[in-house]
Amino acid sequence: MSFQSLKVSLSPAKKVYFASDFHLGAPTHADSLVREKRIVRWLESIRHDAQLICLVGDLFDFWYEHKRVVPRGFVRLLGKLGELTDAGIQIIAFPGNHDMWMTDYFEKELNIKTYRRPLDLLVETAPDAPIRSFHVAHGDGLGPGDHFYKLLRIVFESKLASWAFGNLLHPNIALWLGQSWALHSWRKHEKEGQPSYWGEDKEWLVLYAKEQEKLHHHDFYVFGHRHIKLDLPINQHSRTLILGDWIVYNSYAVFDGQETLLVDYDELQKA
């Protein structure tokens, strides 16, 4: 299978950042607002050295773009993203399973290109240095298993389902239904507790990375979705990173031209 690719020439002292699973909008407006302000502070803290920021899915607990209507709220995040792209920082986004109905709003209003499928990100650090390759995706529906969701995703991503949701229902009703569905999922996972690592031989995204590595080498496989932090070598030359989230960990990955690290945002350290 071939994937879209994006090549970036990293300037000296600049970095590539990866973050996912903000889930803004859940579980309450107050909780979400605290999280949103923290994310905005993090974005401001990295603006001096960020060349590329990859938002790897589930930025929102639910998102749907009607032709002339988008969900209310999230103005601090959207404003900050627009400010950063206006300043020349490149930002790309990957719709996740909670915000799969992103269409063109981010690209038109914020100059943020969205990628609906896995992306091969190729980062050149110097003319004579080897290119570092990152295979990036939110992670939902990849690897073995999760067959019910894969079927559900086909239905939800169909033009008919998207058209029906956006045209047969008043936006107030449509967004209420979507947000209620997402909140039900939040409550379900809340009862189950924080997700745990399934092990190298059972973790779907690790198995997916290993299968992709057999087909084509990548230095790093970067995913969100699972709400766990993982930095796992899958052979001598490749690593799988699962980014955690901003609900529990406030975690992100960063590539500085030499190393790729999975770290937690520490506001005191950044201050």
Protein backbone atom coordinates (compact mmCIF):
# COMPACT_ATOMS: atom_id res chain seq x y z
CA MET A 1 0.00 0.00 0.00
CA SER A 2 1.34 3.46 -0.89
CA PHE A 3 0.81 6.45 1.37
CA GLN A 4 0.87 10.19 0.92
CA SER A 5 4.20 11.73 1.77
CA LEU A 6 5.37 15.11 3.01
CA LYS A 7 9.01 16.21 2.86
CA VAL A 8 10.30 18.84 5.26
CA SER A 9 13.76 20.43 5.33
CA LEU A 10 14.37 21.13 9.01
CA SER A 11 16.12 24.43 9.66
CA PRO A 12 18.93 24.63 12.24
CA ALA A 13 17.66 24.75 15.85
CA LYS A 14 14.11 23.99 14.71
CA LYS A 15 11.97 21.02 15.76
CA VAL A 16 9.04 18.83 14.75
CA TYR A 17 6.33 18.29 17.37
CA PHE A 18 3.64 15.60 17.60
CA ALA A 19 0.60 15.66 19.92
CA SER A 20 -2.80 13.95 19.96
CA ASP A 21 -5.96 13.23 21.91
CA PHE A 22 -6.94 16.59 23.39
CA HIS A 23 -10.64 15.53 23.38
CA LEU A 24 -11.81 19.09 23.83
CA GLY A 25 -15.48 19.35 24.74
CA ALA A 26 -15.43 16.48 27.24
CA PRO A 27 -16.46 15.58 29.80
CA THR A 28 -17.77 19.05 30.75
CA HIS A 29 -17.28 22.55 29.42
CA ALA A 30 -15.34 23.53 32.55
CA ASP A 31 -12.99 20.54 32.37
CA SER A 32 -12.45 21.07 28.67
CA LEU A 33 -11.69 24.76 29.12
CA VAL A 34 -8.95 24.05 31.67
CA ARG A 35 -7.41 21.53 29.26
CA GLU A 36 -7.74 23.89 26.29
CA LYS A 37 -5.95 26.70 28.11
CA ARG A 38 -3.14 24.31 29.06
CA ILE A 39 -2.75 23.18 25.44
CA VAL A 40 -2.65 26.80 24.26
CA ARG A 41 0.09 27.56 26.81
CA TRP A 42 2.06 24.59 25.51
CA LEU A 43 1.68 25.77 21.91
CA GLU A 44 2.88 29.22 22.92
CA SER A 45 5.87 27.67 24.72
CA ILE A 46 7.08 25.90 21.56
CA ARG A 47 6.48 28.62 19.00
CA HIS A 48 10.12 29.81 19.16
CA ASP A 49 11.53 26.51 17.84
CA ALA A 50 8.61 24.73 16.15
CA GLN A 51 8.91 24.35 12.40
CA LEU A 52 6.22 21.69 12.04
CA ILE A 53 3.46 20.69 14.47
CA CYS A 54 1.60 17.44 13.78
CA LEU A 55 -1.81 17.19 15.48
CA VAL A 56 -2.40 13.46 15.41
CA GLY A 57 -6.15 13.15 15.87
CA ASP A 58 -9.01 13.47 18.36
CA LEU A 59 -8.42 17.15 18.99
CA PHE A 60 -12.13 17.29 19.78
CA ASP A 61 -14.38 14.80 21.50
CA PHE A 62 -16.79 15.42 18.63
CA TRP A 63 -16.54 17.56 15.51
CA TYR A 64 -18.75 18.03 12.48
CA GLU A 65 -18.54 20.71 9.82
CA HIS A 66 -21.83 21.76 8.32
CA LYS A 67 -21.56 23.83 5.17
CA ARG A 68 -21.91 27.10 7.11
CA VAL A 69 -21.78 25.94 10.74
CA VAL A 70 -19.03 24.49 12.95
CA PRO A 71 -19.32 23.53 16.64
CA ARG A 72 -19.21 26.45 19.07
CA GLY A 73 -16.32 26.76 21.47
CA PHE A 74 -12.60 25.96 21.19
CA VAL A 75 -11.87 29.56 20.16
CA ARG A 76 -8.66 29.73 22.20
CA LEU A 77 -7.18 26.69 20.47
CA LEU A 78 -8.37 27.68 17.00
CA GLY A 79 -7.13 31.24 17.49
CA LYS A 80 -3.71 30.05 18.64
CA LEU A 81 -3.39 27.63 15.70
CA GLY A 82 -4.27 30.42 13.28
CA GLU A 83 -1.76 32.71 14.98
CA LEU A 84 0.99 30.11 14.63
CA THR A 85 0.33 29.39 10.96
CA ASP A 86 0.15 33.13 10.27
CA ALA A 87 3.62 33.34 11.84
CA GLY A 88 4.92 30.78 9.33
CA ILE A 89 4.83 27.63 11.45
CA GLN A 90 3.57 24.65 9.46
CA ILE A 91 0.78 22.66 11.11
CA ILE A 92 -0.87 19.50 9.81
CA ALA A 93 -3.77 17.56 11.32
CA PHE A 94 -5.08 14.00 11.22
CA PRO A 95 -8.79 13.42 11.86
CA GLY A 96 -9.28 10.77 14.54
CA ASN A 97 -12.23 8.57 15.31
CA HIS A 98 -13.87 11.36 17.35
CA ASP A 99 -13.35 14.11 14.77
CA MET A 100 -13.40 12.10 11.55
CA TRP A 101 -15.86 14.54 9.96
CA MET A 102 -13.27 17.27 9.53
CA THR A 103 -13.49 18.50 5.95
CA ASP A 104 -12.04 21.82 4.73
CA TYR A 105 -12.55 24.24 7.63
CA PHE A 106 -9.05 23.81 9.03
CA GLU A 107 -7.43 24.22 5.64
CA LYS A 108 -9.46 27.25 4.56
CA GLU A 109 -9.56 29.13 7.86
CA LEU A 110 -6.34 28.07 9.57
CA ASN A 111 -4.07 26.97 6.70
CA ILE A 112 -3.78 23.51 8.28
CA LYS A 113 -3.73 20.63 5.82
CA THR A 114 -5.54 17.51 7.00
CA TYR A 115 -4.54 13.93 6.21
CA ARG A 116 -7.23 11.29 6.48
CA ARG A 117 -4.87 8.36 6.02
CA PRO A 118 -1.38 7.50 7.30
CA LEU A 119 1.34 9.88 6.15
CA ASP A 120 5.00 9.26 5.44
CA LEU A 121 6.76 12.32 6.84
CA LEU A 122 10.31 12.69 5.52
CA VAL A 123 12.52 15.10 7.46
CA GLU A 124 15.78 16.32 5.96
CA THR A 125 18.14 17.69 8.62
CA ALA A 126 21.17 18.49 6.44
CA PRO A 127 22.08 18.01 2.76
CA ASP A 128 24.55 15.23 3.58
CA ALA A 129 22.55 13.62 6.41
CA PRO A 130 20.17 10.68 5.97
CA ILE A 131 16.50 11.60 5.80
CA ARG A 132 14.55 10.62 8.92
CA SER A 133 11.25 8.94 8.11
CA PHE A 134 8.13 9.07 10.27
CA HIS A 135 4.99 7.05 9.53
CA VAL A 136 2.23 9.08 11.20
CA ALA A 137 -1.44 8.25 11.77
CA HIS A 138 -4.06 8.64 14.48
CA GLY A 139 -4.20 4.86 14.69
CA ASP A 140 -7.89 3.99 14.68
CA GLY A 141 -8.69 1.03 12.45
CA LEU A 142 -5.04 0.07 11.87
CA GLY A 143 -3.62 -3.36 12.51
CA PRO A 144 -5.52 -6.57 13.27
CA GLY A 145 -8.73 -6.76 15.30
CA ASP A 146 -11.36 -4.09 16.06
CA HIS A 147 -13.48 -5.38 13.19
CA PHE A 148 -16.73 -3.79 14.41
CA TYR A 149 -15.16 -0.34 14.49
CA LYS A 150 -13.63 -0.83 11.04
CA LEU A 151 -17.09 -1.60 9.66
CA LEU A 152 -18.60 1.33 11.56
CA ARG A 153 -15.93 3.65 10.20
CA ILE A 154 -16.74 2.66 6.62
CA VAL A 155 -20.38 3.57 7.29
CA PHE A 156 -19.58 6.86 9.06
CA GLU A 157 -17.11 7.96 6.39
CA SER A 158 -19.52 7.28 3.56
CA LYS A 159 -20.80 10.32 1.69
CA LEU A 160 -24.37 9.21 2.34
CA ALA A 161 -23.94 9.10 6.13
CA SER A 162 -22.15 12.44 6.22
CA TRP A 163 -24.75 14.07 3.95
CA ALA A 164 -27.67 12.66 5.96
CA PHE A 165 -26.20 13.81 9.28
CA GLY A 166 -25.52 17.29 7.94
CA ASN A 167 -28.66 17.86 5.88
CA LEU A 168 -31.53 15.91 7.42
CA LEU A 169 -30.96 17.12 10.98
CA HIS A 170 -30.93 20.65 12.35
CA PRO A 171 -27.36 21.50 13.45
CA ASN A 172 -28.47 21.78 17.08
CA ILE A 173 -29.88 18.25 16.98
CA ALA A 174 -27.01 16.82 14.93
CA LEU A 175 -24.34 18.23 17.24
CA TRP A 176 -26.28 17.18 20.35
CA LEU A 177 -26.46 13.62 19.02
CA GLY A 178 -22.78 13.54 18.15
CA GLN A 179 -21.70 15.03 21.47
CA SER A 180 -23.98 12.65 23.39
CA TRP A 181 -22.49 9.66 21.57
CA ALA A 182 -18.97 10.89 22.32
CA LEU A 183 -19.81 11.54 25.99
CA HIS A 184 -21.25 8.03 26.31
CA SER A 185 -17.93 6.69 25.01
CA TRP A 186 -16.05 8.91 27.49
CA ARG A 187 -18.12 7.62 30.43
CA LYS A 188 -17.65 4.03 29.31
CA HIS A 189 -13.88 4.38 29.17
CA GLU A 190 -13.91 6.27 32.47
CA LYS A 191 -15.52 3.27 34.17
CA GLU A 192 -12.99 0.92 32.57
CA GLY A 193 -10.08 2.98 33.89
CA GLN A 194 -6.97 4.29 32.20
CA PRO A 195 -6.01 2.15 29.18
CA SER A 196 -3.05 -0.15 29.66
CA TYR A 197 -0.41 -1.48 27.29
CA TRP A 198 -1.46 -4.86 25.87
CA GLY A 199 2.04 -6.13 25.23
CA GLU A 200 4.22 -6.23 22.14
CA ASP A 201 2.50 -9.30 20.69
CA LYS A 202 -1.05 -7.94 21.20
CA GLU A 203 -0.88 -4.17 20.79
CA TRP A 204 -2.55 -3.55 17.42
CA LEU A 205 -0.52 -0.48 16.53
CA VAL A 206 2.76 -2.24 17.32
CA LEU A 207 1.71 -5.17 15.14
CA TYR A 208 0.72 -2.73 12.38
CA ALA A 209 4.11 -1.00 12.62
CA LYS A 210 5.93 -4.31 12.37
CA GLU A 211 3.94 -5.26 9.27
CA GLN A 212 4.66 -1.89 7.65
CA GLU A 213 8.35 -2.24 8.50
CA LYS A 214 8.44 -5.49 6.52
CA LEU A 215 7.19 -3.57 3.49
CA HIS A 216 9.14 -0.33 3.81
CA HIS A 217 11.51 1.00 6.45
CA HIS A 218 10.58 3.94 8.65
CA ASP A 219 12.67 5.27 11.51
CA PHE A 220 9.61 6.06 13.61
CA TYR A 221 5.96 5.03 13.72
CA VAL A 222 3.93 7.71 15.50
CA PHE A 223 0.34 7.18 16.65
CA GLY A 224 -2.28 8.55 19.01
CA HIS A 225 -5.64 6.92 19.75
CA ARG A 226 -4.69 4.48 22.50
CA HIS A 227 -4.22 6.98 25.35
CA ILE A 228 -1.03 5.23 26.48
CA LYS A 229 2.57 6.42 26.37
CA LEU A 230 4.83 4.03 24.54
CA ASP A 231 8.33 4.29 23.09
CA LEU A 232 9.17 0.80 21.85
CA PRO A 233 12.02 -0.33 19.58
CA ILE A 234 10.64 -2.83 17.06
CA ASN A 235 14.06 -3.57 15.57
CA GLN A 236 17.55 -2.07 15.67
CA HIS A 237 16.56 0.87 13.48
CA SER A 238 12.86 1.60 14.12
CA ARG A 239 10.72 2.69 17.05
CA THR A 240 7.00 2.90 17.68
CA LEU A 241 5.73 5.89 19.64
CA ILE A 242 2.20 6.18 21.03
CA LEU A 243 1.69 9.73 22.17
CA GLY A 244 -0.44 9.40 25.30
CA ASP A 245 -3.00 12.19 25.67
CA TRP A 246 -3.73 15.57 27.25
CA ILE A 247 -6.27 14.20 29.71
CA VAL A 248 -3.83 12.34 31.96
CA TYR A 249 -0.31 12.79 30.60
CA ASN A 250 -0.07 16.16 28.80
CA SER A 251 2.43 14.35 26.60
CA TYR A 252 3.94 14.94 23.17
CA ALA A 253 6.85 13.82 21.02
CA VAL A 254 9.55 16.08 19.65
CA PHE A 255 12.26 15.59 17.01
CA ASP A 256 15.14 18.05 17.24
CA GLY A 257 17.07 16.88 14.19
CA GLN A 258 19.00 14.30 16.18
CA GLU A 259 16.74 12.60 18.71
CA THR A 260 13.03 11.86 18.99
CA LEU A 261 11.74 11.98 22.55
CA LEU A 262 8.37 11.33 24.18
CA VAL A 263 7.98 13.86 26.98
CA ASP A 264 5.40 15.44 29.30
CA TYR A 265 4.61 19.14 29.26
CA ASP A 266 5.94 20.65 32.48
CA GLU A 267 4.67 24.21 32.84
CA LEU A 268 7.02 24.94 35.74
CA GLN A 269 10.01 23.83 33.70
CA LYS A 270 8.87 25.90 30.71
CA ALA A 271 8.25 28.98 32.85
